[in-house]
C-alpha atoms as a PDB file:
ATOM      1  CA  MET A   1      99.424 -48.202  34.609  1.00  0.00           C
ATOM      2  CA  THR A   2     100.912 -48.849  38.055  1.00  0.00           C
ATOM      3  CA  LYS A   3     104.446 -49.220  36.678  1.00  0.00           C
ATOM      4  CA  ARG A   4     104.175 -46.194  35.120  1.00  0.00           C
ATOM      5  CA  LEU A   5     102.819 -44.108  38.087  1.00  0.00           C
ATOM      6  CA  ALA A   6     105.798 -45.531  39.994  1.00  0.00           C
ATOM      7  CA  THR A   7     108.113 -44.469  37.504  1.00  0.00           C
ATOM      8  CA  ILE A   8     106.924 -40.811  37.571  1.00  0.00           C
ATOM      9  CA  ARG A   9     106.902 -40.829  41.343  1.00  0.00           C
ATOM     10  CA  LEU A  10     110.682 -41.669  41.410  1.00  0.00           C
ATOM     11  CA  THR A  11     111.443 -39.361  38.745  1.00  0.00           C
ATOM     12  CA  LEU A  12     109.651 -36.532  40.913  1.00  0.00           C
ATOM     13  CA  VAL A  13     111.785 -37.412  43.909  1.00  0.00           C
ATOM     14  CA  VAL A  14     114.929 -37.468  42.048  1.00  0.00           C
ATOM     15  CA  SER A  15     114.098 -34.251  40.565  1.00  0.00           C
ATOM     16  CA  LEU A  16     113.271 -32.727  44.113  1.00  0.00           C
ATOM     17  CA  LEU A  17     116.592 -34.142  45.807  1.00  0.00           C
ATOM     18  CA  THR A  18     118.615 -32.617  42.818  1.00  0.00           C
ATOM     19  CA  PHE A  19     116.845 -29.364  43.342  1.00  0.00           C
ATOM     20  CA  ALA A  20     117.609 -29.393  46.921  1.00  0.00           C
ATOM     21  CA  GLY A  21     121.214 -30.134  46.443  1.00  0.00           C
ATOM     22  CA  CYS A  22     121.997 -27.179  43.761  1.00  0.00           C
ATOM     23  CA  HIS A  23     120.062 -24.628  45.696  1.00  0.00           C
ATOM     24  CA  ARG A  24     121.234 -24.918  49.277  1.00  0.00           C
ATOM     25  CA  ALA A  25     120.616 -22.158  51.609  1.00  0.00           C
ATOM     26  CA  PRO A  26     123.135 -19.246  51.695  1.00  0.00           C
ATOM     27  CA  ASP A  27     125.916 -19.406  54.112  1.00  0.00           C
ATOM     28  CA  GLY A  28     125.775 -16.370  56.727  1.00  0.00           C
ATOM     29  CA  ARG A  29     129.491 -15.816  56.887  1.00  0.00           C
ATOM     30  CA  ASN A  30     130.156 -15.944  53.176  1.00  0.00           C
ATOM     31  CA  VAL A  31     127.294 -13.243  52.808  1.00  0.00           C
ATOM     32  CA  PHE A  32     129.252 -10.903  55.531  1.00  0.00           C
ATOM     33  CA  LEU A  33     132.149 -11.121  53.849  1.00  0.00           C
ATOM     34  CA  GLN A  34     130.380 -10.341  50.345  1.00  0.00           C
ATOM     35  CA  SER A  35     128.745  -7.354  52.099  1.00  0.00           C
ATOM     36  CA  GLU A  36     132.130  -6.273  53.461  1.00  0.00           C
ATOM     37  CA  THR A  37     133.504  -6.342  49.919  1.00  0.00           C
ATOM     38  CA  ALA A  38     130.463  -4.214  48.727  1.00  0.00           C
ATOM     39  CA  LEU A  39     131.187  -1.666  51.415  1.00  0.00           C
ATOM     40  CA  ASP A  40     134.887  -1.542  50.480  1.00  0.00           C
ATOM     41  CA  ALA A  41     133.684   0.520  47.245  1.00  0.00           C
ATOM     42  CA  VAL A  42     131.538   2.767  49.046  1.00  0.00           C
ATOM     43  CA  ARG A  43     132.445   6.317  49.900  1.00  0.00           C
ATOM     44  CA  SER A  44     129.242   8.239  50.696  1.00  0.00           C
ATOM     45  CA  LEU A  45     125.982   7.078  52.360  1.00  0.00           C
ATOM     46  CA  ARG A  46     123.162   8.564  54.513  1.00  0.00           C
ATOM     47  CA  MET A  47     122.059   6.998  58.019  1.00  0.00           C
ATOM     48  CA  HIS A  48     119.001   7.185  60.178  1.00  0.00           C
ATOM     49  CA  VAL A  49     119.863   6.033  63.597  1.00  0.00           C
ATOM     50  CA  GLU A  50     117.784   5.398  66.570  1.00  0.00           C
ATOM     51  CA  THR A  51     118.753   4.550  70.018  1.00  0.00           C
ATOM     52  CA  PHE A  52     116.416   3.697  72.874  1.00  0.00           C
ATOM     53  CA  GLY A  53     116.363   3.683  76.507  1.00  0.00           C
ATOM     54  CA  ALA A  54     117.897   6.324  79.109  1.00  0.00           C
ATOM     55  CA  LEU A  55     119.633   7.863  76.272  1.00  0.00           C
ATOM     56  CA  ALA A  56     117.200   7.715  73.474  1.00  0.00           C
ATOM     57  CA  ARG A  57     118.368   9.692  70.384  1.00  0.00           C
ATOM     58  CA  VAL A  58     117.441  10.071  66.794  1.00  0.00           C
ATOM     59  CA  THR A  59     120.080  11.122  64.397  1.00  0.00           C
ATOM     60  CA  ASP A  60     120.057  11.633  60.483  1.00  0.00           C
ATOM     61  CA  ALA A  61     123.593  11.645  59.140  1.00  0.00           C
ATOM     62  CA  GLU A  62     125.386  11.804  55.975  1.00  0.00           C
ATOM     63  CA  PHE A  63     129.043  11.047  55.093  1.00  0.00           C
ATOM     64  CA  ALA A  64     130.965  12.246  51.912  1.00  0.00           C
ATOM     65  CA  CYS A  65     134.163  10.378  52.829  1.00  0.00           C
ATOM     66  CA  ASP A  66     135.819  11.127  49.434  1.00  0.00           C
ATOM     67  CA  GLN A  67     135.860  14.443  50.543  1.00  0.00           C
ATOM     68  CA  ASP A  68     136.452  13.675  54.164  1.00  0.00           C
ATOM     69  CA  VAL A  69     133.539  15.346  55.428  1.00  0.00           C
ATOM     70  CA  ILE A  70     130.340  14.175  57.637  1.00  0.00           C
ATOM     71  CA  ARG A  71     127.528  15.954  58.918  1.00  0.00           C
ATOM     72  CA  TYR A  72     124.812  14.870  61.105  1.00  0.00           C
ATOM     73  CA  VAL A  73     121.833  16.254  63.228  1.00  0.00           C
ATOM     74  CA  TYR A  74     120.729  14.497  66.279  1.00  0.00           C
ATOM     75  CA  VAL A  75     117.977  14.938  68.848  1.00  0.00           C
ATOM     76  CA  GLN A  76     118.563  13.928  72.475  1.00  0.00           C
ATOM     77  CA  GLN A  77     115.192  12.994  73.992  1.00  0.00           C
ATOM     78  CA  GLN A  78     114.879  13.231  77.625  1.00  0.00           C
ATOM     79  CA  VAL A  79     111.936  12.693  79.993  1.00  0.00           C
ATOM     80  CA  ASN A  80     110.132  15.561  81.216  1.00  0.00           C
ATOM     81  CA  ALA A  81     112.640  18.009  79.448  1.00  0.00           C
ATOM     82  CA  PRO A  82     112.970  19.809  76.307  1.00  0.00           C
ATOM     83  CA  SER A  83     114.497  18.050  73.508  1.00  0.00           C
ATOM     84  CA  HIS A  84     118.182  18.919  72.557  1.00  0.00           C
ATOM     85  CA  LYS A  85     118.929  19.426  68.731  1.00  0.00           C
ATOM     86  CA  ILE A  86     122.279  19.662  67.631  1.00  0.00           C
ATOM     87  CA  GLU A  87     124.112  19.994  64.093  1.00  0.00           C
ATOM     88  CA  ILE A  88     127.729  18.815  63.858  1.00  0.00           C
ATOM     89  CA  VAL A  89     129.952  18.710  60.788  1.00  0.00           C
ATOM     90  CA  GLU A  90     133.317  17.447  60.721  1.00  0.00           C
ATOM     91  CA  THR A  91     136.333  17.476  58.407  1.00  0.00           C
ATOM     92  CA  GLY A  92     139.647  15.481  59.106  1.00  0.00           C
ATOM     93  CA  GLN A  93     140.951  18.257  61.329  1.00  0.00           C
ATOM     94  CA  HIS A  94     138.179  19.958  62.778  1.00  0.00           C
ATOM     95  CA  LYS A  95     134.505  19.631  64.604  1.00  0.00           C
ATOM     96  CA  PHE A  96     132.131  22.145  64.141  1.00  0.00           C
ATOM     97  CA  SER A  97     128.942  22.166  66.332  1.00  0.00           C
ATOM     98  CA  ARG A  98     125.823  24.331  67.146  1.00  0.00           C
ATOM     99  CA  TRP A  99     122.692  23.942  68.951  1.00  0.00           C
ATOM    100  CA  LEU A 100     119.307  24.100  67.160  1.00  0.00           C
ATOM    101  CA  GLU A 101     116.895  23.443  69.852  1.00  0.00           C
ATOM    102  CA  PRO A 102     115.867  24.540  72.365  1.00  0.00           C
ATOM    103  CA  THR A 103     117.845  27.762  71.574  1.00  0.00           C
ATOM    104  CA  ALA A 104     119.929  28.202  68.503  1.00  0.00           C
ATOM    105  CA  THR A 105     123.667  29.078  68.873  1.00  0.00           C
ATOM    106  CA  ASP A 106     126.493  30.168  66.620  1.00  0.00           C
ATOM    107  CA  TRP A 107     129.082  27.420  65.376  1.00  0.00           C
ATOM    108  CA  GLN A 108     131.743  26.422  67.731  1.00  0.00           C
ATOM    109  CA  MET A 109     135.120  24.781  66.417  1.00  0.00           C
ATOM    110  CA  THR A 110     137.286  22.166  68.274  1.00  0.00           C
ATOM    111  CA  GLY A 111     140.243  19.805  67.066  1.00  0.00           C
ATOM    112  CA  ARG A 112     139.584  16.088  66.266  1.00  0.00           C
ATOM    113  CA  GLN A 113     142.783  14.711  67.008  1.00  0.00           C
ATOM    114  CA  HIS A 114     141.823  12.180  69.635  1.00  0.00           C
ATOM    115  CA  LEU A 115     138.303  11.110  68.598  1.00  0.00           C
ATOM    116  CA  PRO A 116     137.547   7.531  67.899  1.00  0.00           C
ATOM    117  CA  PRO A 117     137.622   6.161  64.530  1.00  0.00           C
ATOM    118  CA  GLU A 118     134.394   7.075  62.330  1.00  0.00           C
ATOM    119  CA  VAL A 119     132.480   5.519  59.747  1.00  0.00           C
ATOM    120  CA  CYS A 120     134.777   6.797  56.958  1.00  0.00           C
ATOM    121  CA  ASP A 121     137.750   5.237  58.783  1.00  0.00           C
ATOM    122  CA  ARG A 122     135.618   2.085  59.227  1.00  0.00           C
ATOM    123  CA  LEU A 123     135.058   1.788  55.362  1.00  0.00           C
ATOM    124  CA  GLN A 124     138.840   2.456  54.538  1.00  0.00           C
ATOM    125  CA  SER A 125     139.842  -0.170  56.949  1.00  0.00           C
ATOM    126  CA  PRO A 126     137.610  -3.053  57.319  1.00  0.00           C
ATOM    127  CA  GLY A 127     140.416  -5.855  58.215  1.00  0.00           C
ATOM    128  CA  VAL A 128     141.374  -4.027  61.434  1.00  0.00           C
ATOM    129  CA  GLN A 129     137.906  -4.303  63.198  1.00  0.00           C
ATOM    130  CA  THR A 130     136.832  -6.363  66.052  1.00  0.00           C
ATOM    131  CA  TYR A 131     133.645  -8.032  66.907  1.00  0.00           C
ATOM    132  CA  LEU A 132     130.981  -5.793  68.498  1.00  0.00           C
ATOM    133  CA  THR A 133     130.899  -5.874  72.261  1.00  0.00           C
ATOM    134  CA  ASN A 134     130.077  -2.214  73.077  1.00  0.00           C
ATOM    135  CA  HIS A 135     126.141  -1.731  72.236  1.00  0.00           C
ATOM    136  CA  PHE A 136     125.768   1.771  72.809  1.00  0.00           C
ATOM    137  CA  PHE A 137     126.973   4.220  69.960  1.00  0.00           C
ATOM    138  CA  SER A 138     126.024   7.413  68.137  1.00  0.00           C
ATOM    139  CA  ALA A 139     125.796   8.102  64.190  1.00  0.00           C
ATOM    140  CA  ASP A 140     129.587   9.176  64.163  1.00  0.00           C
ATOM    141  CA  GLU A 141     131.056   6.198  65.511  1.00  0.00           C
ATOM    142  CA  ALA A 142     132.345   3.335  63.311  1.00  0.00           C
ATOM    143  CA  HIS A 143     129.942   0.679  64.868  1.00  0.00           C
ATOM    144  CA  SER A 144     127.011   2.390  63.675  1.00  0.00           C
ATOM    145  CA  LEU A 145     127.915   0.333  60.518  1.00  0.00           C
ATOM    146  CA  PRO A 146     129.180  -2.734  62.112  1.00  0.00           C
ATOM    147  CA  SER A 147     132.077  -4.785  61.019  1.00  0.00           C
ATOM    148  CA  PHE A 148     130.817  -7.336  58.956  1.00  0.00           C
ATOM    149  CA  PHE A 149     134.275  -8.900  58.276  1.00  0.00           C
ATOM    150  CA  ALA A 150     134.344  -9.346  62.089  1.00  0.00           C
ATOM    151  CA  PHE A 151     130.945 -11.063  62.075  1.00  0.00           C
ATOM    152  CA  ALA A 152     132.094 -13.684  59.403  1.00  0.00           C
ATOM    153  CA  ASN A 153     135.349 -14.301  61.528  1.00  0.00           C
ATOM    154  CA  GLU A 154     133.548 -14.724  64.890  1.00  0.00           C
ATOM    155  CA  GLN A 155     133.710 -18.458  65.590  1.00  0.00           C
ATOM    156  CA  ARG A 156     131.754 -18.247  68.882  1.00  0.00           C
ATOM    157  CA  ALA A 157     128.869 -16.611  67.149  1.00  0.00           C
ATOM    158  CA  THR A 158     125.557 -18.636  65.514  1.00  0.00           C
ATOM    159  CA  ILE A 159     124.691 -16.881  62.437  1.00  0.00           C
ATOM    160  CA  THR A 160     120.963 -17.677  61.315  1.00  0.00           C
ATOM    161  CA  HIS A 161     118.971 -17.085  58.154  1.00  0.00           C
ATOM    162  CA  ASP A 162     115.620 -15.835  59.580  1.00  0.00           C
ATOM    163  CA  ALA A 163     113.799 -14.519  56.770  1.00  0.00           C
ATOM    164  CA  ASP A 164     113.484 -12.373  53.485  1.00  0.00           C
ATOM    165  CA  GLU A 165     111.858  -9.059  53.862  1.00  0.00           C
ATOM    166  CA  SER A 166     112.321  -5.601  51.973  1.00  0.00           C
ATOM    167  CA  VAL A 167     113.582  -2.375  53.184  1.00  0.00           C
ATOM    168  CA  ASP A 168     112.562   0.897  51.512  1.00  0.00           C
ATOM    169  CA  GLY A 169     111.750  -1.441  48.345  1.00  0.00           C
ATOM    170  CA  VAL A 170     114.884  -3.338  48.375  1.00  0.00           C
ATOM    171  CA  PRO A 171     114.627  -7.257  48.821  1.00  0.00           C
ATOM    172  CA  CYS A 172     117.042  -8.288  51.504  1.00  0.00           C
ATOM    173  CA  GLU A 173     118.075 -11.417  53.226  1.00  0.00           C
ATOM    174  CA  VAL A 174     117.609 -11.098  57.167  1.00  0.00           C
ATOM    175  CA  TRP A 175     120.560 -12.320  59.259  1.00  0.00           C
ATOM    176  CA  THR A 176     120.654 -12.854  63.055  1.00  0.00           C
ATOM    177  CA  ILE A 177     124.148 -13.116  65.047  1.00  0.00           C
ATOM    178  CA  ARG A 178     123.963 -14.589  68.549  1.00  0.00           C
ATOM    179  CA  GLU A 179     126.740 -15.135  70.991  1.00  0.00           C
ATOM    180  CA  GLY A 180     125.955 -17.021  74.445  1.00  0.00           C
ATOM    181  CA  ASN A 181     123.772 -15.176  76.876  1.00  0.00           C
ATOM    182  CA  SER A 182     121.454 -12.949  75.243  1.00  0.00           C
ATOM    183  CA  ILE A 183     121.272 -10.367  78.198  1.00  0.00           C
ATOM    184  CA  ALA A 184     125.140  -9.900  78.164  1.00  0.00           C
ATOM    185  CA  ASN A 185     125.464 -10.432  74.596  1.00  0.00           C
ATOM    186  CA  PRO A 186     122.090  -8.971  72.696  1.00  0.00           C
ATOM    187  CA  PRO A 187     121.622 -10.395  69.266  1.00  0.00           C
ATOM    188  CA  GLN A 188     122.328  -8.262  66.202  1.00  0.00           C
ATOM    189  CA  THR A 189     120.434  -8.516  63.195  1.00  0.00           C
ATOM    190  CA  VAL A 190     121.361  -7.413  59.646  1.00  0.00           C
ATOM    191  CA  TRP A 191     118.936  -6.829  56.091  1.00  0.00           C
ATOM    192  CA  ILE A 192     121.510  -7.343  53.554  1.00  0.00           C
ATOM    193  CA  ALA A 193     120.335  -6.309  49.823  1.00  0.00           C
ATOM    194  CA  ALA A 194     119.954  -9.900  47.950  1.00  0.00           C
ATOM    195  CA  GLY A 195     121.335  -7.912  44.730  1.00  0.00           C
ATOM    196  CA  ASP A 196     124.186  -5.712  45.652  1.00  0.00           C
ATOM    197  CA  ARG A 197     124.906  -7.048  49.023  1.00  0.00           C
ATOM    198  CA  LEU A 198     124.925  -3.851  50.735  1.00  0.00           C
ATOM    199  CA  PRO A 199     123.414  -3.742  54.309  1.00  0.00           C
ATOM    200  CA  ARG A 200     120.309  -1.700  54.437  1.00  0.00           C
ATOM    201  CA  LYS A 201     119.136  -2.087  57.996  1.00  0.00           C
ATOM    202  CA  TYR A 202     120.895  -3.178  61.244  1.00  0.00           C
ATOM    203  CA  LEU A 203     119.205  -3.809  64.649  1.00  0.00           C
ATOM    204  CA  GLN A 204     120.810  -4.525  67.881  1.00  0.00           C
ATOM    205  CA  GLY A 205     118.750  -6.509  70.694  1.00  0.00           C
ATOM    206  CA  GLU A 206     115.497  -8.477  70.264  1.00  0.00           C
ATOM    207  CA  ARG A 207     113.510  -7.197  67.139  1.00  0.00           C
ATOM    208  CA  ASP A 208     110.528  -6.664  69.404  1.00  0.00           C
ATOM    209  CA  HIS A 209     112.654  -4.766  71.937  1.00  0.00           C
ATOM    210  CA  PRO A 210     115.438  -3.141  70.228  1.00  0.00           C
ATOM    211  CA  LEU A 211     118.287  -1.007  71.904  1.00  0.00           C
ATOM    212  CA  ALA A 212     119.248   0.384  68.556  1.00  0.00           C
ATOM    213  CA  VAL A 213     117.911   0.473  64.842  1.00  0.00           C
ATOM    214  CA  VAL A 214     120.040   1.838  61.902  1.00  0.00           C
ATOM    215  CA  THR A 215     118.622   2.126  58.221  1.00  0.00           C
ATOM    216  CA  TYR A 216     121.369   2.939  55.378  1.00  0.00           C
ATOM    217  CA  SER A 217     120.572   4.563  51.945  1.00  0.00           C
ATOM    218  CA  HIS A 218     121.984   6.542  49.250  1.00  0.00           C
ATOM    219  CA  TYR A 219     125.160   4.593  48.703  1.00  0.00           C
ATOM    220  CA  GLY A 220     127.713   5.956  46.471  1.00  0.00           C
ATOM    221  CA  GLU A 221     125.471   9.057  45.597  1.00  0.00           C
ATOM    222  CA  ALA A 222     126.881  12.623  45.618  1.00  0.00           C
ATOM    223  CA  ILE A 223     126.090  14.022  48.998  1.00  0.00           C
ATOM    224  CA  PRO A 224     127.264  17.836  49.023  1.00  0.00           C
ATOM    225  CA  ILE A 225     127.929  18.815  52.708  1.00  0.00           C
ATOM    226  CA  GLN A 226     128.427  22.794  53.115  1.00  0.00           C
ATOM    227  CA  LEU A 227     131.055  23.726  55.510  1.00  0.00           C
ATOM    228  CA  PRO A 228     130.242  26.391  58.334  1.00  0.00           C
ATOM    229  CA  PRO A 229     131.221  30.024  57.239  1.00  0.00           C
ATOM    230  CA  SER A 230     134.986  30.786  56.992  1.00  0.00           C
ATOM    231  CA  GLN A 231     135.005  33.152  60.034  1.00  0.00           C
ATOM    232  CA  VAL A 232     134.795  30.166  62.402  1.00  0.00           C
ATOM    233  CA  GLY A 233     138.089  28.771  61.120  1.00  0.00           C
ATOM    234  CA  ASN A 234     137.027  26.024  58.443  1.00  0.00           C
END
């Protein structure tokens, strides 16, 4: 009986070791490369962006990159002052904007020749991006959807798999990127879907004191964006 029990125990130990060897934890750098590959096929999405601190702002944005049109509405929150709400529509050549609050205004048009690259440019050119060092952004700037290609190739950074959580019902792996001093280089955390590897959430700063939080949705769906009236020059 003792010999049989010993044999059973040995079999269990071997089985556990084999299981552990065949089910190693995922590698963060590979996951980020997989995410960048998944994003390479994306030409439309929606974002909800919240930034905190002195320039607190809430933005809802939608991107129809196959049509070369984006639209976003942001609310600038100021202490002891009315909130400012602005709607912006951009094409490849023009930027249309109007105030919605505190007083509604007509559309105004300007050119876009010298504006920084946006999310659509970022999706089309993943390999030319760099590791994020600017921790202040708005929804129309490329690093509101950070470069996971750059994350994967940043050798100074430590990447850890913190947990598994769901975002809007989508099971995700939670990955945190840290580099050196957390004051000079706040951590960045990404929720990447376990199924399609598309990012569902991005957070700058510590999770209990974020600098900015972005959630992503409606990947690849048709997103009709109506241009302003033709009389303003679209």
